[in-house]
Structures are given as C-alpha cells and as structure tokens.
Amino acid sequence: MYSPLLLEHFEHPRNVGELQDADVKVTVENPACGDVMVLTLKVSDGMITSAQYRTKGCVASIACGSRLTEMLIGQDINSVRSLKRQGLVAAIGGLSNETMHASHLAFDALSAALGKIR
C-alpha cells in the first residue's frame, strides 16, 4: 500500500520538531481525519534556511511532513510558492486515494506558512 520511499520517511522522519527561533509557525488540522501538523520555518534573505514539523496523524501524514521539509530547506520563497501538491505526492513515491489527505495536510500547512511571509 505504501511506497518504499514513503515508508523510509515514516520510519526515519527528517526535520522533526519545532524551531524555537522560527520566523513562521503554523498549525493546521484536517477536519475529515483529525490529523494535525505544526510547521515552523526559518527564513533569511528570501530563502528557507530551516524547516521542522510535528505531525499527529497517520503514516502518510508523517511521511509527507518529512518529505515536505526536505523540499523546502535551501529554497527561495518564490520557488517554494510555485511548488505543487502533486510534486510532493510524486516525491514521496505516490499516495493512494485513501491516503491522499496527507498531501493536502502538508500543503495546507505550507500555504498557511507562506501566507505569513511577506
């Protein structure tokens, strides 16, 4: 049901936690399943220099948070604004219809965070 890459990110998640000196912190919840994600970002000179997340949720939500942070770190804000949810789905090795909500949760968090960056 899960891709090997998704399972790798679930079993060994990257960038877990909350940045204490974050420039941006958002919390989002998927009302359909109850999964919650906290995303914190450090931004300097238009670049995301650090990203961490915490997820209370399913295997796919944890993995999507992990992969999303990898996709963000070192990227300029304009590039991040052009990221598409389908890119995350592909980067995690695909999601079934039953687990697609995880990519929506991650991108809802990203969208909320980008809304706080001027």
PDB file of N, CA and C in Angstrom:
ATOM      1  N   MET A   1       0.820  -1.201   0.000  1.00  0.00           N
ATOM      2  CA  MET A   1       0.000   0.000   0.000  1.00  0.00           C
ATOM      3  C   MET A   1       0.860   1.260   0.000  1.00  0.00           C
ATOM      4  N   TYR A   2       1.984   1.252   0.731  1.00  0.00           N
ATOM      5  CA  TYR A   2       2.860   2.419   0.783  1.00  0.00           C
ATOM      6  C   TYR A   2       4.110   2.168  -0.041  1.00  0.00           C
ATOM      7  N   SER A   3       4.624   3.234  -0.661  1.00  0.00           N
ATOM      8  CA  SER A   3       5.861   3.119  -1.422  1.00  0.00           C
ATOM      9  C   SER A   3       7.038   2.945  -0.462  1.00  0.00           C
ATOM     10  N   PRO A   4       8.132   2.351  -0.931  1.00  0.00           N
ATOM     11  CA  PRO A   4       9.322   2.227  -0.080  1.00  0.00           C
ATOM     12  C   PRO A   4       9.830   3.583   0.415  1.00  0.00           C
ATOM     13  N   LEU A   5       9.758   4.613  -0.416  1.00  0.00           N
ATOM     14  CA  LEU A   5      10.226   5.945  -0.005  1.00  0.00           C
ATOM     15  C   LEU A   5       9.333   6.513   1.090  1.00  0.00           C
ATOM     16  N   LEU A   6       8.026   6.349   0.963  1.00  0.00           N
ATOM     17  CA  LEU A   6       7.123   6.821   1.998  1.00  0.00           C
ATOM     18  C   LEU A   6       7.412   6.113   3.315  1.00  0.00           C
ATOM     19  N   LEU A   7       7.598   4.814   3.264  1.00  0.00           N
ATOM     20  CA  LEU A   7       7.903   4.062   4.483  1.00  0.00           C
ATOM     21  C   LEU A   7       9.229   4.501   5.096  1.00  0.00           C
ATOM     22  N   GLU A   8      10.205   4.817   4.255  1.00  0.00           N
ATOM     23  CA  GLU A   8      11.501   5.314   4.750  1.00  0.00           C
ATOM     24  C   GLU A   8      11.311   6.626   5.515  1.00  0.00           C
ATOM     25  N   HIS A   9      10.495   7.518   4.976  1.00  0.00           N
ATOM     26  CA  HIS A   9      10.251   8.797   5.652  1.00  0.00           C
ATOM     27  C   HIS A   9       9.424   8.626   6.921  1.00  0.00           C
ATOM     28  N   PHE A  10       8.554   7.625   6.955  1.00  0.00           N
ATOM     29  CA  PHE A  10       7.794   7.353   8.165  1.00  0.00           C
ATOM     30  C   PHE A  10       8.689   6.746   9.249  1.00  0.00           C
ATOM     31  N   GLU A  11       9.514   5.783   8.872  1.00  0.00           N
ATOM     32  CA  GLU A  11      10.360   5.089   9.839  1.00  0.00           C
ATOM     33  C   GLU A  11      11.540   5.938  10.298  1.00  0.00           C
ATOM     34  N   HIS A  12      12.004   6.828   9.438  1.00  0.00           N
ATOM     35  CA  HIS A  12      13.150   7.694   9.747  1.00  0.00           C
ATOM     36  C   HIS A  12      12.831   9.133   9.318  1.00  0.00           C
ATOM     37  N   PRO A  13      11.867   9.749   9.975  1.00  0.00           N
ATOM     38  CA  PRO A  13      11.456  11.094   9.547  1.00  0.00           C
ATOM     39  C   PRO A  13      12.577  12.114   9.729  1.00  0.00           C
ATOM     40  N   ARG A  14      12.622  13.029   8.803  1.00  0.00           N
ATOM     41  CA  ARG A  14      13.611  14.107   8.830  1.00  0.00           C
ATOM     42  C   ARG A  14      12.983  15.368   9.399  1.00  0.00           C
ATOM     43  N   ASN A  15      13.788  16.168  10.032  1.00  0.00           N
ATOM     44  CA  ASN A  15      13.410  17.519  10.469  1.00  0.00           C
ATOM     45  C   ASN A  15      12.197  17.554  11.396  1.00  0.00           C
ATOM     46  N   VAL A  16      12.129  16.600  12.298  1.00  0.00           N
ATOM     47  CA  VAL A  16      11.029  16.547  13.252  1.00  0.00           C
ATOM     48  C   VAL A  16      11.317  17.500  14.407  1.00  0.00           C
ATOM     49  N   GLY A  17      10.320  18.249  14.818  1.00  0.00           N
ATOM     50  CA  GLY A  17      10.446  19.157  15.948  1.00  0.00           C
ATOM     51  C   GLY A  17       9.857  20.499  15.611  1.00  0.00           C
ATOM     52  N   GLU A  18      10.152  21.462  16.457  1.00  0.00           N
ATOM     53  CA  GLU A  18       9.715  22.835  16.244  1.00  0.00           C
ATOM     54  C   GLU A  18      10.908  23.748  16.451  1.00  0.00           C
ATOM     55  N   LEU A  19      11.173  24.602  15.483  1.00  0.00           N
ATOM     56  CA  LEU A  19      12.253  25.566  15.597  1.00  0.00           C
ATOM     57  C   LEU A  19      11.899  26.589  16.668  1.00  0.00           C
ATOM     58  N   GLN A  20      12.739  26.729  17.666  1.00  0.00           N
ATOM     59  CA  GLN A  20      12.459  27.662  18.752  1.00  0.00           C
ATOM     60  C   GLN A  20      12.555  29.115  18.306  1.00  0.00           C
ATOM     61  N   ASP A  21      13.403  29.385  17.305  1.00  0.00           N
ATOM     62  CA  ASP A  21      13.573  30.752  16.810  1.00  0.00           C
ATOM     63  C   ASP A  21      12.924  30.931  15.436  1.00  0.00           C
ATOM     64  N   ALA A  22      11.827  30.223  15.210  1.00  0.00           N
ATOM     65  CA  ALA A  22      11.160  30.238  13.903  1.00  0.00           C
ATOM     66  C   ALA A  22      10.646  31.625  13.543  1.00  0.00           C
ATOM     67  N   ASP A  23      10.750  31.946  12.271  1.00  0.00           N
ATOM     68  CA  ASP A  23      10.152  33.165  11.748  1.00  0.00           C
ATOM     69  C   ASP A  23       8.668  32.956  11.473  1.00  0.00           C
ATOM     70  N   VAL A  24       8.293  31.708  11.216  1.00  0.00           N
ATOM     71  CA  VAL A  24       6.912  31.359  10.905  1.00  0.00           C
ATOM     72  C   VAL A  24       6.564  30.066  11.628  1.00  0.00           C
ATOM     73  N   LYS A  25       5.389  30.065  12.255  1.00  0.00           N
ATOM     74  CA  LYS A  25       4.872  28.843  12.876  1.00  0.00           C
ATOM     75  C   LYS A  25       3.382  28.770  12.590  1.00  0.00           C
ATOM     76  N   VAL A  26       2.958  27.633  12.033  1.00  0.00           N
ATOM     77  CA  VAL A  26       1.541  27.434  11.746  1.00  0.00           C
ATOM     78  C   VAL A  26       1.117  26.053  12.230  1.00  0.00           C
ATOM     79  N   THR A  27      -0.145  25.959  12.563  1.00  0.00           N
ATOM     80  CA  THR A  27      -0.748  24.686  12.934  1.00  0.00           C
ATOM     81  C   THR A  27      -1.999  24.520  12.093  1.00  0.00           C
ATOM     82  N   VAL A  28      -2.102  23.377  11.421  1.00  0.00           N
ATOM     83  CA  VAL A  28      -3.281  23.092  10.608  1.00  0.00           C
ATOM     84  C   VAL A  28      -3.826  21.715  10.975  1.00  0.00           C
ATOM     85  N   GLU A  29      -5.128  21.568  10.760  1.00  0.00           N
ATOM     86  CA  GLU A  29      -5.777  20.291  11.050  1.00  0.00           C
ATOM     87  C   GLU A  29      -6.647  19.898   9.864  1.00  0.00           C
ATOM     88  N   ASN A  30      -6.642  18.627   9.564  1.00  0.00           N
ATOM     89  CA  ASN A  30      -7.538  18.096   8.553  1.00  0.00           C
ATOM     90  C   ASN A  30      -8.820  17.705   9.267  1.00  0.00           C
ATOM     91  N   PRO A  31      -9.914  18.433   9.051  1.00  0.00           N
ATOM     92  CA  PRO A  31     -11.141  18.157   9.790  1.00  0.00           C
ATOM     93  C   PRO A  31     -11.746  16.793   9.468  1.00  0.00           C
ATOM     94  N   ALA A  32     -11.434  16.245   8.307  1.00  0.00           N
ATOM     95  CA  ALA A  32     -12.007  14.955   7.919  1.00  0.00           C
ATOM     96  C   ALA A  32     -11.411  13.792   8.704  1.00  0.00           C
ATOM     97  N   CYS A  33     -10.088  13.845   8.947  1.00  0.00           N
ATOM     98  CA  CYS A  33      -9.435  12.703   9.602  1.00  0.00           C
ATOM     99  C   CYS A  33      -8.871  13.048  10.977  1.00  0.00           C
ATOM    100  N   GLY A  34      -8.735  14.337  11.281  1.00  0.00           N
ATOM    101  CA  GLY A  34      -8.224  14.747  12.579  1.00  0.00           C
ATOM    102  C   GLY A  34      -6.713  14.876  12.659  1.00  0.00           C
ATOM    103  N   ASP A  35      -5.996  14.589  11.562  1.00  0.00           N
ATOM    104  CA  ASP A  35      -4.541  14.765  11.578  1.00  0.00           C
ATOM    105  C   ASP A  35      -4.192  16.236  11.780  1.00  0.00           C
ATOM    106  N   VAL A  36      -3.107  16.485  12.518  1.00  0.00           N
ATOM    107  CA  VAL A  36      -2.662  17.843  12.811  1.00  0.00           C
ATOM    108  C   VAL A  36      -1.185  17.968  12.446  1.00  0.00           C
ATOM    109  N   MET A  37      -0.824  19.087  11.815  1.00  0.00           N
ATOM    110  CA  MET A  37       0.583  19.350  11.505  1.00  0.00           C
ATOM    111  C   MET A  37       0.955  20.744  11.978  1.00  0.00           C
ATOM    112  N   VAL A  38       2.108  20.827  12.638  1.00  0.00           N
ATOM    113  CA  VAL A  38       2.730  22.089  13.001  1.00  0.00           C
ATOM    114  C   VAL A  38       3.953  22.228  12.104  1.00  0.00           C
ATOM    115  N   LEU A  39       4.074  23.338  11.402  1.00  0.00           N
ATOM    116  CA  LEU A  39       5.204  23.599  10.521  1.00  0.00           C
ATOM    117  C   LEU A  39       5.873  24.881  10.979  1.00  0.00           C
ATOM    118  N   THR A  40       7.185  24.818  11.197  1.00  0.00           N
ATOM    119  CA  THR A  40       7.957  26.011  11.569  1.00  0.00           C
ATOM    120  C   THR A  40       9.052  26.219  10.530  1.00  0.00           C
ATOM    121  N   LEU A  41       9.276  27.485  10.187  1.00  0.00           N
ATOM    122  CA  LEU A  41      10.269  27.839   9.171  1.00  0.00           C
ATOM    123  C   LEU A  41      11.164  28.955   9.670  1.00  0.00           C
ATOM    124  N   LYS A  42      12.393  28.901   9.273  1.00  0.00           N
ATOM    125  CA  LYS A  42      13.356  29.986   9.463  1.00  0.00           C
ATOM    126  C   LYS A  42      13.648  30.530   8.065  1.00  0.00           C
ATOM    127  N   VAL A  43      13.476  31.850   7.901  1.00  0.00           N
ATOM    128  CA  VAL A  43      13.636  32.492   6.604  1.00  0.00           C
ATOM    129  C   VAL A  43      14.689  33.573   6.719  1.00  0.00           C
ATOM    130  N   SER A  44      15.615  33.598   5.763  1.00  0.00           N
ATOM    131  CA  SER A  44      16.659  34.621   5.752  1.00  0.00           C
ATOM    132  C   SER A  44      16.943  35.018   4.314  1.00  0.00           C
ATOM    133  N   ASP A  45      16.911  36.312   4.047  1.00  0.00           N
ATOM    134  CA  ASP A  45      17.191  36.841   2.701  1.00  0.00           C
ATOM    135  C   ASP A  45      16.392  36.131   1.623  1.00  0.00           C
ATOM    136  N   GLY A  46      15.123  35.878   1.895  1.00  0.00           N
ATOM    137  CA  GLY A  46      14.248  35.277   0.907  1.00  0.00           C
ATOM    138  C   GLY A  46      14.420  33.788   0.709  1.00  0.00           C
ATOM    139  N   MET A  47      15.187  33.159   1.587  1.00  0.00           N
ATOM    140  CA  MET A  47      15.436  31.717   1.493  1.00  0.00           C
ATOM    141  C   MET A  47      14.929  31.018   2.752  1.00  0.00           C
ATOM    142  N   ILE A  48      14.405  29.821   2.590  1.00  0.00           N
ATOM    143  CA  ILE A  48      14.059  28.998   3.747  1.00  0.00           C
ATOM    144  C   ILE A  48      15.332  28.277   4.159  1.00  0.00           C
ATOM    145  N   THR A  49      15.855  28.661   5.303  1.00  0.00           N
ATOM    146  CA  THR A  49      17.117  28.099   5.762  1.00  0.00           C
ATOM    147  C   THR A  49      16.927  26.892   6.669  1.00  0.00           C
ATOM    148  N   SER A  50      15.741  26.774   7.262  1.00  0.00           N
ATOM    149  CA  SER A  50      15.460  25.640   8.127  1.00  0.00           C
ATOM    150  C   SER A  50      13.955  25.418   8.169  1.00  0.00           C
ATOM    151  N   ALA A  51      13.579  24.153   8.309  1.00  0.00           N
ATOM    152  CA  ALA A  51      12.163  23.797   8.416  1.00  0.00           C
ATOM    153  C   ALA A  51      12.037  22.576   9.306  1.00  0.00           C
ATOM    154  N   GLN A  52      11.078  22.614  10.193  1.00  0.00           N
ATOM    155  CA  GLN A  52      10.779  21.463  11.031  1.00  0.00           C
ATOM    156  C   GLN A  52       9.268  21.315  11.129  1.00  0.00           C
ATOM    157  N   TYR A  53       8.850  20.102  11.460  1.00  0.00           N
ATOM    158  CA  TYR A  53       7.421  19.841  11.570  1.00  0.00           C
ATOM    159  C   TYR A  53       7.156  18.846  12.679  1.00  0.00           C
ATOM    160  N   ARG A  54       5.933  18.838  13.132  1.00  0.00           N
ATOM    161  CA  ARG A  54       5.402  17.817  14.043  1.00  0.00           C
ATOM    162  C   ARG A  54       4.048  17.427  13.483  1.00  0.00           C
ATOM    163  N   THR A  55       3.790  16.145  13.464  1.00  0.00           N
ATOM    164  CA  THR A  55       2.501  15.669  12.969  1.00  0.00           C
ATOM    165  C   THR A  55       1.915  14.680  13.952  1.00  0.00           C
ATOM    166  N   LYS A  56       0.650  14.882  14.229  1.00  0.00           N
ATOM    167  CA  LYS A  56      -0.136  13.880  14.949  1.00  0.00           C
ATOM    168  C   LYS A  56      -1.067  13.321  13.897  1.00  0.00           C
ATOM    169  N   GLY A  57      -0.756  12.110  13.435  1.00  0.00           N
ATOM    170  CA  GLY A  57      -1.562  11.566  12.363  1.00  0.00           C
ATOM    171  C   GLY A  57      -1.059  10.229  11.875  1.00  0.00           C
ATOM    172  N   CYS A  58      -1.482   9.896  10.691  1.00  0.00           N
ATOM    173  CA  CYS A  58      -1.223   8.591  10.104  1.00  0.00           C
ATOM    174  C   CYS A  58       0.180   8.511   9.504  1.00  0.00           C
ATOM    175  N   VAL A  59       0.520   7.320   9.049  1.00  0.00           N
ATOM    176  CA  VAL A  59       1.815   7.041   8.428  1.00  0.00           C
ATOM    177  C   VAL A  59       2.088   8.028   7.291  1.00  0.00           C
ATOM    178  N   ALA A  60       1.115   8.198   6.407  1.00  0.00           N
ATOM    179  CA  ALA A  60       1.309   9.062   5.247  1.00  0.00           C
ATOM    180  C   ALA A  60       1.490  10.528   5.634  1.00  0.00           C
ATOM    181  N   SER A  61       0.777  11.002   6.642  1.00  0.00           N
ATOM    182  CA  SER A  61       0.918  12.392   7.079  1.00  0.00           C
ATOM    183  C   SER A  61       2.295  12.657   7.664  1.00  0.00           C
ATOM    184  N   ILE A  62       2.801  11.714   8.438  1.00  0.00           N
ATOM    185  CA  ILE A  62       4.145  11.858   8.999  1.00  0.00           C
ATOM    186  C   ILE A  62       5.183  11.883   7.878  1.00  0.00           C
ATOM    187  N   ALA A  63       5.043  10.980   6.931  1.00  0.00           N
ATOM    188  CA  ALA A  63       5.991  10.911   5.822  1.00  0.00           C
ATOM    189  C   ALA A  63       5.922  12.161   4.947  1.00  0.00           C
ATOM    190  N   CYS A  64       4.723  12.655   4.680  1.00  0.00           N
ATOM    191  CA  CYS A  64       4.589  13.860   3.851  1.00  0.00           C
ATOM    192  C   CYS A  64       5.210  15.075   4.528  1.00  0.00           C
ATOM    193  N   GLY A  65       5.056  15.190   5.835  1.00  0.00           N
ATOM    194  CA  GLY A  65       5.700  16.287   6.555  1.00  0.00           C
ATOM    195  C   GLY A  65       7.212  16.217   6.441  1.00  0.00           C
ATOM    196  N   SER A  66       7.746  15.025   6.589  1.00  0.00           N
ATOM    197  CA  SER A  66       9.188  14.818   6.484  1.00  0.00           C
ATOM    198  C   SER A  66       9.699  15.210   5.098  1.00  0.00           C
ATOM    199  N   ARG A  67       9.051  14.698   4.072  1.00  0.00           N
ATOM    200  CA  ARG A  67       9.492  14.972   2.697  1.00  0.00           C
ATOM    201  C   ARG A  67       9.298  16.446   2.349  1.00  0.00           C
ATOM    202  N   LEU A  68       8.211  17.047   2.821  1.00  0.00           N
ATOM    203  CA  LEU A  68       7.992  18.465   2.546  1.00  0.00           C
ATOM    204  C   LEU A  68       9.132  19.308   3.089  1.00  0.00           C
ATOM    205  N   THR A  69       9.554  19.053   4.318  1.00  0.00           N
ATOM    206  CA  THR A  69      10.642  19.873   4.874  1.00  0.00           C
ATOM    207  C   THR A  69      11.907  19.739   4.040  1.00  0.00           C
ATOM    208  N   GLU A  70      12.189  18.540   3.542  1.00  0.00           N
ATOM    209  CA  GLU A  70      13.361  18.372   2.674  1.00  0.00           C
ATOM    210  C   GLU A  70      13.226  19.196   1.401  1.00  0.00           C
ATOM    211  N   MET A  71      12.026  19.281   0.892  1.00  0.00           N
ATOM    212  CA  MET A  71      11.791  20.047  -0.339  1.00  0.00           C
ATOM    213  C   MET A  71      11.912  21.553  -0.118  1.00  0.00           C
ATOM    214  N   LEU A  72      11.738  22.009   1.124  1.00  0.00           N
ATOM    215  CA  LEU A  72      11.737  23.444   1.416  1.00  0.00           C
ATOM    216  C   LEU A  72      13.109  24.005   1.749  1.00  0.00           C
ATOM    217  N   ILE A  73      13.891  23.262   2.503  1.00  0.00           N
ATOM    218  CA  ILE A  73      15.168  23.782   3.019  1.00  0.00           C
ATOM    219  C   ILE A  73      16.112  24.122   1.867  1.00  0.00           C
ATOM    220  N   GLY A  74      16.612  25.363   1.909  1.00  0.00           N
ATOM    221  CA  GLY A  74      17.559  25.833   0.899  1.00  0.00           C
ATOM    222  C   GLY A  74      16.898  26.437  -0.327  1.00  0.00           C
ATOM    223  N   GLN A  75      15.577  26.511  -0.322  1.00  0.00           N
ATOM    224  CA  GLN A  75      14.855  27.047  -1.481  1.00  0.00           C
ATOM    225  C   GLN A  75      14.459  28.502  -1.246  1.00  0.00           C
ATOM    226  N   ASP A  76      14.425  29.280  -2.337  1.00  0.00           N
ATOM    227  CA  ASP A  76      13.956  30.652  -2.196  1.00  0.00           C
ATOM    228  C   ASP A  76      12.430  30.652  -2.165  1.00  0.00           C
ATOM    229  N   ILE A  77      11.877  31.656  -1.542  1.00  0.00           N
ATOM    230  CA  ILE A  77      10.440  31.739  -1.314  1.00  0.00           C
ATOM    231  C   ILE A  77       9.655  31.678  -2.623  1.00  0.00           C
ATOM    232  N   ASN A  78      10.137  32.329  -3.672  1.00  0.00           N
ATOM    233  CA  ASN A  78       9.418  32.309  -4.945  1.00  0.00           C
ATOM    234  C   ASN A  78       9.340  30.901  -5.513  1.00  0.00           C
ATOM    235  N   SER A  79      10.408  30.138  -5.401  1.00  0.00           N
ATOM    236  CA  SER A  79      10.387  28.743  -5.857  1.00  0.00           C
ATOM    237  C   SER A  79       9.412  27.926  -5.034  1.00  0.00           C
ATOM    238  N   VAL A  80       9.402  28.152  -3.735  1.00  0.00           N
ATOM    239  CA  VAL A  80       8.504  27.420  -2.849  1.00  0.00           C
ATOM    240  C   VAL A  80       7.050  27.744  -3.176  1.00  0.00           C
ATOM    241  N   ARG A  81       6.773  29.000  -3.490  1.00  0.00           N
ATOM    242  CA  ARG A  81       5.400  29.380  -3.837  1.00  0.00           C
ATOM    243  C   ARG A  81       4.914  28.658  -5.101  1.00  0.00           C
ATOM    244  N   SER A  82       5.823  28.219  -5.948  1.00  0.00           N
ATOM    245  CA  SER A  82       5.419  27.536  -7.180  1.00  0.00           C
ATOM    246  C   SER A  82       5.332  26.016  -7.021  1.00  0.00           C
ATOM    247  N   LEU A  83       5.665  25.498  -5.840  1.00  0.00           N
ATOM    248  CA  LEU A  83       5.536  24.058  -5.615  1.00  0.00           C
ATOM    249  C   LEU A  83       4.080  23.641  -5.710  1.00  0.00           C
ATOM    250  N   LYS A  84       3.869  22.455  -6.220  1.00  0.00           N
ATOM    251  CA  LYS A  84       2.519  21.904  -6.352  1.00  0.00           C
ATOM    252  C   LYS A  84       2.391  20.667  -5.467  1.00  0.00           C
ATOM    253  N   ARG A  85       1.193  20.454  -4.968  1.00  0.00           N
ATOM    254  CA  ARG A  85       0.929  19.295  -4.118  1.00  0.00           C
ATOM    255  C   ARG A  85       1.264  17.996  -4.843  1.00  0.00           C
ATOM    256  N   GLN A  86       1.002  17.948  -6.135  1.00  0.00           N
ATOM    257  CA  GLN A  86       1.302  16.749  -6.907  1.00  0.00           C
ATOM    258  C   GLN A  86       2.797  16.447  -6.919  1.00  0.00           C
ATOM    259  N   GLY A  87       3.612  17.490  -6.802  1.00  0.00           N
ATOM    260  CA  GLY A  87       5.062  17.297  -6.720  1.00  0.00           C
ATOM    261  C   GLY A  87       5.452  16.582  -5.439  1.00  0.00           C
ATOM    262  N   LEU A  88       4.787  16.916  -4.350  1.00  0.00           N
ATOM    263  CA  LEU A  88       5.034  16.211  -3.090  1.00  0.00           C
ATOM    264  C   LEU A  88       4.587  14.767  -3.197  1.00  0.00           C
ATOM    265  N   VAL A  89       3.433  14.543  -3.796  1.00  0.00           N
ATOM    266  CA  VAL A  89       2.933  13.172  -3.964  1.00  0.00           C
ATOM    267  C   VAL A  89       3.944  12.344  -4.754  1.00  0.00           C
ATOM    268  N   ALA A  90       4.468  12.902  -5.832  1.00  0.00           N
ATOM    269  CA  ALA A  90       5.465  12.191  -6.630  1.00  0.00           C
ATOM    270  C   ALA A  90       6.755  11.986  -5.843  1.00  0.00           C
ATOM    271  N   ALA A  91       7.163  13.007  -5.086  1.00  0.00           N
ATOM    272  CA  ALA A  91       8.424  12.946  -4.337  1.00  0.00           C
ATOM    273  C   ALA A  91       8.381  11.949  -3.188  1.00  0.00           C
ATOM    274  N   ILE A  92       7.193  11.555  -2.756  1.00  0.00           N
ATOM    275  CA  ILE A  92       7.062  10.583  -1.667  1.00  0.00           C
ATOM    276  C   ILE A  92       6.790   9.186  -2.237  1.00  0.00           C
ATOM    277  N   GLY A  93       6.730   9.072  -3.549  1.00  0.00           N
ATOM    278  CA  GLY A  93       6.534   7.768  -4.165  1.00  0.00           C
ATOM    279  C   GLY A  93       5.086   7.415  -4.429  1.00  0.00           C
ATOM    280  N   GLY A  94       4.209   8.423  -4.361  1.00  0.00           N
ATOM    281  CA  GLY A  94       2.800   8.216  -4.643  1.00  0.00           C
ATOM    282  C   GLY A  94       1.978   7.956  -3.398  1.00  0.00           C
ATOM    283  N   LEU A  95       0.708   8.256  -3.497  1.00  0.00           N
ATOM    284  CA  LEU A  95      -0.254   8.036  -2.415  1.00  0.00           C
ATOM    285  C   LEU A  95      -1.516   7.423  -3.005  1.00  0.00           C
ATOM    286  N   SER A  96      -2.132   6.564  -2.247  1.00  0.00           N
ATOM    287  CA  SER A  96      -3.409   6.002  -2.675  1.00  0.00           C
ATOM    288  C   SER A  96      -4.512   7.035  -2.437  1.00  0.00           C
ATOM    289  N   ASN A  97      -5.682   6.790  -2.999  1.00  0.00           N
ATOM    290  CA  ASN A  97      -6.807   7.695  -2.758  1.00  0.00           C
ATOM    291  C   ASN A  97      -7.109   7.813  -1.271  1.00  0.00           C
ATOM    292  N   GLU A  98      -6.944   6.716  -0.542  1.00  0.00           N
ATOM    293  CA  GLU A  98      -7.231   6.707   0.893  1.00  0.00           C
ATOM    294  C   GLU A  98      -6.227   7.514   1.710  1.00  0.00           C
ATOM    295  N   THR A  99      -5.035   7.712   1.180  1.00  0.00           N
ATOM    296  CA  THR A  99      -4.010   8.440   1.932  1.00  0.00           C
ATOM    297  C   THR A  99      -3.685   9.811   1.334  1.00  0.00           C
ATOM    298  N   MET A 100      -4.359  10.185   0.267  1.00  0.00           N
ATOM    299  CA  MET A 100      -4.088  11.472  -0.403  1.00  0.00           C
ATOM    300  C   MET A 100      -4.285  12.658   0.542  1.00  0.00           C
ATOM    301  N   HIS A 101      -5.137  12.491   1.561  1.00  0.00           N
ATOM    302  CA  HIS A 101      -5.374  13.577   2.517  1.00  0.00           C
ATOM    303  C   HIS A 101      -4.080  14.060   3.168  1.00  0.00           C
ATOM    304  N   ALA A 102      -3.084  13.185   3.255  1.00  0.00           N
ATOM    305  CA  ALA A 102      -1.809  13.561   3.878  1.00  0.00           C
ATOM    306  C   ALA A 102      -1.108  14.667   3.093  1.00  0.00           C
ATOM    307  N   SER A 103      -1.167  14.596   1.777  1.00  0.00           N
ATOM    308  CA  SER A 103      -0.538  15.642   0.960  1.00  0.00           C
ATOM    309  C   SER A 103      -1.305  16.956   1.097  1.00  0.00           C
ATOM    310  N   HIS A 104      -2.613  16.870   1.256  1.00  0.00           N
ATOM    311  CA  HIS A 104      -3.407  18.088   1.461  1.00  0.00           C
ATOM    312  C   HIS A 104      -3.047  18.743   2.791  1.00  0.00           C
ATOM    313  N   LEU A 105      -2.865  17.937   3.834  1.00  0.00           N
ATOM    314  CA  LEU A 105      -2.477  18.478   5.140  1.00  0.00           C
ATOM    315  C   LEU A 105      -1.143  19.208   5.038  1.00  0.00           C
ATOM    316  N   ALA A 106      -0.153  18.581   4.414  1.00  0.00           N
ATOM    317  CA  ALA A 106       1.172  19.195   4.278  1.00  0.00           C
ATOM    318  C   ALA A 106       1.089  20.498   3.489  1.00  0.00           C
ATOM    319  N   PHE A 107       0.322  20.502   2.398  1.00  0.00           N
ATOM    320  CA  PHE A 107       0.237  21.714   1.599  1.00  0.00           C
ATOM    321  C   PHE A 107      -0.637  22.776   2.230  1.00  0.00           C
ATOM    322  N   ASP A 108      -1.601  22.377   3.046  1.00  0.00           N
ATOM    323  CA  ASP A 108      -2.344  23.365   3.817  1.00  0.00           C
ATOM    324  C   ASP A 108      -1.404  24.076   4.798  1.00  0.00           C
ATOM    325  N   ALA A 109      -0.504  23.309   5.415  1.00  0.00           N
ATOM    326  CA  ALA A 109       0.475  23.898   6.333  1.00  0.00           C
ATOM    327  C   ALA A 109       1.405  24.831   5.571  1.00  0.00           C
ATOM    328  N   LEU A 110       1.891  24.392   4.425  1.00  0.00           N
ATOM    329  CA  LEU A 110       2.779  25.231   3.634  1.00  0.00           C
ATOM    330  C   LEU A 110       2.074  26.509   3.195  1.00  0.00           C
ATOM    331  N   SER A 111       0.857  26.393   2.732  1.00  0.00           N
ATOM    332  CA  SER A 111       0.099  27.570   2.298  1.00  0.00           C
ATOM    333  C   SER A 111      -0.102  28.552   3.444  1.00  0.00           C
ATOM    334  N   ALA A 112      -0.434  28.044   4.613  1.00  0.00           N
ATOM    335  CA  ALA A 112      -0.603  28.910   5.789  1.00  0.00           C
ATOM    336  C   ALA A 112       0.717  29.602   6.141  1.00  0.00           C
ATOM    337  N   ALA A 113       1.808  28.861   6.068  1.00  0.00           N
ATOM    338  CA  ALA A 113       3.119  29.438   6.390  1.00  0.00           C
ATOM    339  C   ALA A 113       3.502  30.517   5.376  1.00  0.00           C
ATOM    340  N   LEU A 114       3.305  30.233   4.089  1.00  0.00           N
ATOM    341  CA  LEU A 114       3.631  31.216   3.057  1.00  0.00           C
ATOM    342  C   LEU A 114       2.785  32.471   3.196  1.00  0.00           C
ATOM    343  N   GLY A 115       1.579  32.319   3.693  1.00  0.00           N
ATOM    344  CA  GLY A 115       0.715  33.475   3.929  1.00  0.00           C
ATOM    345  C   GLY A 115       1.230  34.404   5.011  1.00  0.00           C
ATOM    346  N   LYS A 116       2.117  33.907   5.843  1.00  0.00           N
ATOM    347  CA  LYS A 116       2.696  34.733   6.900  1.00  0.00           C
ATOM    348  C   LYS A 116       4.031  35.368   6.516  1.00  0.00           C
ATOM    349  N   ILE A 117       4.567  34.979   5.359  1.00  0.00           N
ATOM    350  CA  ILE A 117       5.856  35.517   4.895  1.00  0.00           C
ATOM    351  C   ILE A 117       5.585  36.674   3.952  1.00  0.00           C
ATOM    352  N   ARG A 118       6.176  37.796   4.263  1.00  0.00           N
ATOM    353  CA  ARG A 118       5.999  38.991   3.426  1.00  0.00           C
ATOM    354  C   ARG A 118       7.064  39.067   2.380  1.00  0.00           C
TER     355      ARG A 118
END
